[in-house]
Amino acid sequence: MSEQRTRHSKYAVAAVVVLGCGLSTAAYAEDWKVTGEFGWFGVGKAQQLEKGHLFWVGEFSGTFFNDKGQGSPFHLAGVRCPASNDLDLNNKKGKAAGTCVISEPGGTDQAYVSWRCEGDTETCRGTFDYTGGTGKYQGVSGSNTFTGVVHVNWPDGMASGYATWNR
C-alpha cells in the first residue's frame, strides 16, 4: 500500500511540476507584450519617385524604455530597425515596414521583430510580430501594436521621433 501511495505521490509531484512550468511559461510569454516608448533617429536616403512621392530606405535606431522600468523586458535595450517608408506627400499618406533587432546591453540576448504600419506622413499605426530571439529571448513570440511619430524632419533627410508600443 505504501508503495502505491509513493507512486501516486510521485505522479502528483510530476503533474504539479509540469503544470507549474506550463503556467510560468504562459505568464512569461505574456511579458513579451511590453508597453513603453522607443526613441529613435532615422538615417537613410530618400528617392523622389515623382513630385511629392518619396521612397525612403534606411534605419531607425535608438533605445526602448519599458513603462515598468528596471528589470522589465527590453528596458533600456538598443533597437536597430532597417526599414523603408513610402511617403505620398501629395495625399498625406505613408506606409512603412521593416525588421528590428532588440538587444540587451552586451548584445548576447536579442529579440527579432517584423513590423508594418500605415498612416499619414507624420504618424504611422501598425503591428509588429516577434520572429525569434537568442539567449533569454529564445522562443519569444506574439503580436504587438505600435504608433510611430516623426517629431522632426531634418533638412538633410534624416528624422527624429518615437514609437509607443502597446499603448
C-alpha atoms as a PDB file:
ATOM      1  CA  MET A   1       0.000   0.000   0.000  1.00  0.00           C
ATOM      2  CA  SER A   2       2.775   2.434   0.848  1.00  0.00           C
ATOM      3  CA  GLU A   3       4.471   1.694  -2.493  1.00  0.00           C
ATOM      4  CA  GLN A   4       1.248   2.640  -4.290  1.00  0.00           C
ATOM      5  CA  ARG A   5       0.999   5.901  -2.277  1.00  0.00           C
ATOM      6  CA  THR A   6       4.604   6.715  -3.104  1.00  0.00           C
ATOM      7  CA  ARG A   7       3.939   6.136  -6.794  1.00  0.00           C
ATOM      8  CA  HIS A   8       0.788   8.326  -6.680  1.00  0.00           C
ATOM      9  CA  SER A   9       2.732  10.997  -4.792  1.00  0.00           C
ATOM     10  CA  LYS A  10       5.453  10.943  -7.453  1.00  0.00           C
ATOM     11  CA  TYR A  11       2.816  11.326 -10.185  1.00  0.00           C
ATOM     12  CA  ALA A  12       1.185  14.186  -8.283  1.00  0.00           C
ATOM     13  CA  VAL A  13       4.525  15.963  -7.831  1.00  0.00           C
ATOM     14  CA  ALA A  14       5.362  15.429 -11.514  1.00  0.00           C
ATOM     15  CA  ALA A  15       1.957  16.819 -12.530  1.00  0.00           C
ATOM     16  CA  VAL A  16       2.435  19.902 -10.328  1.00  0.00           C
ATOM     17  CA  VAL A  17       5.910  20.496 -11.770  1.00  0.00           C
ATOM     18  CA  VAL A  18       4.646  20.139 -15.353  1.00  0.00           C
ATOM     19  CA  LEU A  19       1.639  22.393 -14.714  1.00  0.00           C
ATOM     20  CA  GLY A  20       3.831  24.890 -12.881  1.00  0.00           C
ATOM     21  CA  CYS A  21       6.258  25.054 -15.795  1.00  0.00           C
ATOM     22  CA  GLY A  22       3.394  25.461 -18.226  1.00  0.00           C
ATOM     23  CA  LEU A  23       1.847  28.264 -16.194  1.00  0.00           C
ATOM     24  CA  SER A  24       5.127  30.090 -15.710  1.00  0.00           C
ATOM     25  CA  THR A  25       5.837  29.836 -19.442  1.00  0.00           C
ATOM     26  CA  ALA A  26       2.397  31.260 -20.224  1.00  0.00           C
ATOM     27  CA  ALA A  27       2.922  34.093 -17.731  1.00  0.00           C
ATOM     28  CA  TYR A  28       6.382  34.801 -19.171  1.00  0.00           C
ATOM     29  CA  ALA A  29       5.000  34.757 -22.713  1.00  0.00           C
ATOM     30  CA  GLU A  30       2.534  37.452 -21.669  1.00  0.00           C
ATOM     31  CA  ASP A  31       5.517  39.592 -20.596  1.00  0.00           C
ATOM     32  CA  TRP A  32       6.534  39.873 -24.248  1.00  0.00           C
ATOM     33  CA  LYS A  33       3.668  42.328 -24.755  1.00  0.00           C
ATOM     34  CA  VAL A  34       5.822  45.170 -23.438  1.00  0.00           C
ATOM     35  CA  THR A  35       4.478  48.696 -23.006  1.00  0.00           C
ATOM     36  CA  GLY A  36       6.754  51.652 -23.411  1.00  0.00           C
ATOM     37  CA  GLU A  37       8.462  54.083 -25.743  1.00  0.00           C
ATOM     38  CA  PHE A  38      11.187  53.704 -28.354  1.00  0.00           C
ATOM     39  CA  GLY A  39      13.039  56.959 -29.032  1.00  0.00           C
ATOM     40  CA  TRP A  40      14.648  56.778 -32.483  1.00  0.00           C
ATOM     41  CA  PHE A  41      16.773  58.593 -35.035  1.00  0.00           C
ATOM     42  CA  GLY A  42      16.219  57.729 -38.700  1.00  0.00           C
ATOM     43  CA  VAL A  43      19.205  57.682 -41.057  1.00  0.00           C
ATOM     44  CA  GLY A  44      18.779  56.879 -44.729  1.00  0.00           C
ATOM     45  CA  LYS A  45      18.226  58.082 -48.239  1.00  0.00           C
ATOM     46  CA  ALA A  46      15.060  59.233 -49.953  1.00  0.00           C
ATOM     47  CA  GLN A  47      14.422  58.838 -53.646  1.00  0.00           C
ATOM     48  CA  GLN A  48      11.818  61.042 -55.297  1.00  0.00           C
ATOM     49  CA  LEU A  49       9.633  58.773 -57.437  1.00  0.00           C
ATOM     50  CA  GLU A  50       7.513  61.635 -58.721  1.00  0.00           C
ATOM     51  CA  LYS A  51       6.689  65.123 -57.483  1.00  0.00           C
ATOM     52  CA  GLY A  52       5.516  64.747 -53.878  1.00  0.00           C
ATOM     53  CA  HIS A  53       6.157  60.979 -53.736  1.00  0.00           C
ATOM     54  CA  LEU A  54       9.274  59.801 -51.878  1.00  0.00           C
ATOM     55  CA  PHE A  55      10.603  56.347 -51.084  1.00  0.00           C
ATOM     56  CA  TRP A  56      12.960  56.293 -48.085  1.00  0.00           C
ATOM     57  CA  VAL A  57      15.300  53.394 -47.223  1.00  0.00           C
ATOM     58  CA  GLY A  58      17.392  53.398 -44.073  1.00  0.00           C
ATOM     59  CA  GLU A  59      17.414  52.552 -40.395  1.00  0.00           C
ATOM     60  CA  PHE A  60      15.609  53.713 -37.284  1.00  0.00           C
ATOM     61  CA  SER A  61      17.762  53.179 -34.197  1.00  0.00           C
ATOM     62  CA  GLY A  62      17.563  54.166 -30.549  1.00  0.00           C
ATOM     63  CA  THR A  63      16.595  52.941 -27.083  1.00  0.00           C
ATOM     64  CA  PHE A  64      13.421  51.324 -25.705  1.00  0.00           C
ATOM     65  CA  PHE A  65      12.106  52.454 -22.313  1.00  0.00           C
ATOM     66  CA  ASN A  66       9.728  49.944 -20.696  1.00  0.00           C
ATOM     67  CA  ASP A  67       6.967  51.624 -18.671  1.00  0.00           C
ATOM     68  CA  LYS A  68       7.604  49.120 -15.843  1.00  0.00           C
ATOM     69  CA  GLY A  69      11.222  50.267 -15.523  1.00  0.00           C
ATOM     70  CA  GLN A  70      14.328  48.479 -14.291  1.00  0.00           C
ATOM     71  CA  GLY A  71      14.284  44.685 -14.522  1.00  0.00           C
ATOM     72  CA  SER A  72      11.437  44.538 -17.044  1.00  0.00           C
ATOM     73  CA  PRO A  73      11.810  43.058 -20.553  1.00  0.00           C
ATOM     74  CA  PHE A  74      13.738  45.230 -23.031  1.00  0.00           C
ATOM     75  CA  HIS A  75      14.114  48.159 -20.615  1.00  0.00           C
ATOM     76  CA  LEU A  76      16.997  50.306 -21.928  1.00  0.00           C
ATOM     77  CA  ALA A  77      17.585  47.846 -24.779  1.00  0.00           C
ATOM     78  CA  GLY A  78      19.162  49.080 -28.005  1.00  0.00           C
ATOM     79  CA  VAL A  79      16.913  48.835 -31.045  1.00  0.00           C
ATOM     80  CA  ARG A  80      18.006  48.857 -34.722  1.00  0.00           C
ATOM     81  CA  CYS A  81      15.402  48.700 -37.465  1.00  0.00           C
ATOM     82  CA  PRO A  82      16.358  48.507 -41.160  1.00  0.00           C
ATOM     83  CA  ALA A  83      13.260  49.840 -42.918  1.00  0.00           C
ATOM     84  CA  SER A  84      11.546  51.524 -45.824  1.00  0.00           C
ATOM     85  CA  ASN A  85       8.938  54.267 -45.889  1.00  0.00           C
ATOM     86  CA  ASP A  86       6.759  55.069 -48.903  1.00  0.00           C
ATOM     87  CA  LEU A  87       5.610  58.698 -48.492  1.00  0.00           C
ATOM     88  CA  ASP A  88       2.918  60.252 -50.653  1.00  0.00           C
ATOM     89  CA  LEU A  89       3.180  63.900 -49.616  1.00  0.00           C
ATOM     90  CA  ASN A  90       0.505  64.944 -52.129  1.00  0.00           C
ATOM     91  CA  ASN A  91      -2.178  62.866 -50.393  1.00  0.00           C
ATOM     92  CA  LYS A  92      -0.567  62.901 -46.919  1.00  0.00           C
ATOM     93  CA  LYS A  93      -0.258  59.101 -46.790  1.00  0.00           C
ATOM     94  CA  GLY A  94       2.575  56.872 -45.663  1.00  0.00           C
ATOM     95  CA  LYS A  95       3.296  53.167 -45.486  1.00  0.00           C
ATOM     96  CA  ALA A  96       6.384  51.807 -43.728  1.00  0.00           C
ATOM     97  CA  ALA A  97       7.790  48.349 -42.962  1.00  0.00           C
ATOM     98  CA  GLY A  98      10.926  46.680 -41.710  1.00  0.00           C
ATOM     99  CA  THR A  99      12.576  44.427 -39.194  1.00  0.00           C
ATOM    100  CA  CYS A 100      14.198  45.186 -35.835  1.00  0.00           C
ATOM    101  CA  VAL A 101      16.865  43.711 -33.614  1.00  0.00           C
ATOM    102  CA  ILE A 102      16.232  44.440 -29.935  1.00  0.00           C
ATOM    103  CA  SER A 103      19.427  43.904 -27.966  1.00  0.00           C
ATOM    104  CA  GLU A 104      20.237  43.865 -24.282  1.00  0.00           C
ATOM    105  CA  PRO A 105      23.425  45.714 -23.291  1.00  0.00           C
ATOM    106  CA  GLY A 106      26.315  43.467 -24.324  1.00  0.00           C
ATOM    107  CA  GLY A 107      24.347  42.089 -27.265  1.00  0.00           C
ATOM    108  CA  THR A 108      24.124  38.463 -26.100  1.00  0.00           C
ATOM    109  CA  ASP A 109      20.334  38.413 -25.665  1.00  0.00           C
ATOM    110  CA  GLN A 110      18.411  39.622 -28.708  1.00  0.00           C
ATOM    111  CA  ALA A 111      14.839  39.533 -29.990  1.00  0.00           C
ATOM    112  CA  TYR A 112      13.840  39.958 -33.630  1.00  0.00           C
ATOM    113  CA  VAL A 113      10.653  41.533 -34.946  1.00  0.00           C
ATOM    114  CA  SER A 114       8.980  42.235 -38.264  1.00  0.00           C
ATOM    115  CA  TRP A 115       6.770  45.328 -38.453  1.00  0.00           C
ATOM    116  CA  ARG A 116       4.492  47.300 -40.753  1.00  0.00           C
ATOM    117  CA  CYS A 117       2.337  50.412 -40.405  1.00  0.00           C
ATOM    118  CA  GLU A 118       0.201  52.885 -42.332  1.00  0.00           C
ATOM    119  CA  GLY A 119      -0.900  56.431 -41.682  1.00  0.00           C
ATOM    120  CA  ASP A 120      -0.241  59.981 -42.747  1.00  0.00           C
ATOM    121  CA  THR A 121       3.224  61.446 -43.298  1.00  0.00           C
ATOM    122  CA  GLU A 122       3.813  62.079 -39.566  1.00  0.00           C
ATOM    123  CA  THR A 123       2.032  59.263 -37.690  1.00  0.00           C
ATOM    124  CA  CYS A 124       2.029  55.577 -38.573  1.00  0.00           C
ATOM    125  CA  ARG A 125      -0.029  52.939 -36.708  1.00  0.00           C
ATOM    126  CA  GLY A 126       0.669  49.255 -37.082  1.00  0.00           C
ATOM    127  CA  THR A 127       1.791  45.941 -35.658  1.00  0.00           C
ATOM    128  CA  PHE A 128       4.994  44.074 -35.003  1.00  0.00           C
ATOM    129  CA  ASP A 129       5.475  40.337 -34.571  1.00  0.00           C
ATOM    130  CA  TYR A 130       8.340  38.580 -32.845  1.00  0.00           C
ATOM    131  CA  THR A 131      10.162  36.321 -35.302  1.00  0.00           C
ATOM    132  CA  GLY A 132      12.798  34.834 -32.970  1.00  0.00           C
ATOM    133  CA  GLY A 133      15.490  35.533 -30.458  1.00  0.00           C
ATOM    134  CA  THR A 134      18.656  34.420 -28.697  1.00  0.00           C
ATOM    135  CA  GLY A 135      19.581  33.822 -25.071  1.00  0.00           C
ATOM    136  CA  LYS A 136      16.727  34.672 -22.715  1.00  0.00           C
ATOM    137  CA  TYR A 137      14.647  35.790 -25.713  1.00  0.00           C
ATOM    138  CA  GLN A 138      14.842  32.441 -27.495  1.00  0.00           C
ATOM    139  CA  GLY A 139      11.279  31.352 -28.240  1.00  0.00           C
ATOM    140  CA  VAL A 140       9.833  34.862 -27.919  1.00  0.00           C
ATOM    141  CA  SER A 141       6.512  35.121 -29.762  1.00  0.00           C
ATOM    142  CA  GLY A 142       3.427  37.235 -30.103  1.00  0.00           C
ATOM    143  CA  SER A 143       1.916  40.181 -31.909  1.00  0.00           C
ATOM    144  CA  ASN A 144       2.006  43.778 -30.671  1.00  0.00           C
ATOM    145  CA  THR A 145       0.736  47.215 -31.666  1.00  0.00           C
ATOM    146  CA  PHE A 146       2.639  50.461 -32.012  1.00  0.00           C
ATOM    147  CA  THR A 147       2.309  54.044 -33.138  1.00  0.00           C
ATOM    148  CA  GLY A 148       5.310  55.712 -34.765  1.00  0.00           C
ATOM    149  CA  VAL A 149       5.609  59.500 -34.791  1.00  0.00           C
ATOM    150  CA  VAL A 150       8.028  61.636 -36.811  1.00  0.00           C
ATOM    151  CA  HIS A 151       8.870  64.519 -34.492  1.00  0.00           C
ATOM    152  CA  VAL A 152      11.478  66.368 -36.608  1.00  0.00           C
ATOM    153  CA  ASN A 153      12.347  66.071 -40.301  1.00  0.00           C
ATOM    154  CA  TRP A 154      15.904  67.382 -40.641  1.00  0.00           C
ATOM    155  CA  PRO A 155      16.963  69.304 -43.798  1.00  0.00           C
ATOM    156  CA  ASP A 156      19.482  66.541 -44.676  1.00  0.00           C
ATOM    157  CA  GLY A 157      16.719  63.907 -44.952  1.00  0.00           C
ATOM    158  CA  MET A 158      17.205  62.402 -41.503  1.00  0.00           C
ATOM    159  CA  ALA A 159      14.401  62.275 -38.929  1.00  0.00           C
ATOM    160  CA  SER A 160      13.882  62.109 -35.167  1.00  0.00           C
ATOM    161  CA  GLY A 161      10.877  60.602 -33.478  1.00  0.00           C
ATOM    162  CA  TYR A 162       9.455  57.994 -31.189  1.00  0.00           C
ATOM    163  CA  ALA A 163       7.168  54.993 -31.192  1.00  0.00           C
ATOM    164  CA  THR A 164       4.852  53.890 -28.416  1.00  0.00           C
ATOM    165  CA  TRP A 165       4.458  50.128 -28.009  1.00  0.00           C
ATOM    166  CA  ASN A 166       1.155  48.571 -26.887  1.00  0.00           C
ATOM    167  CA  ARG A 167      -0.362  51.813 -25.591  1.00  0.00           C
END
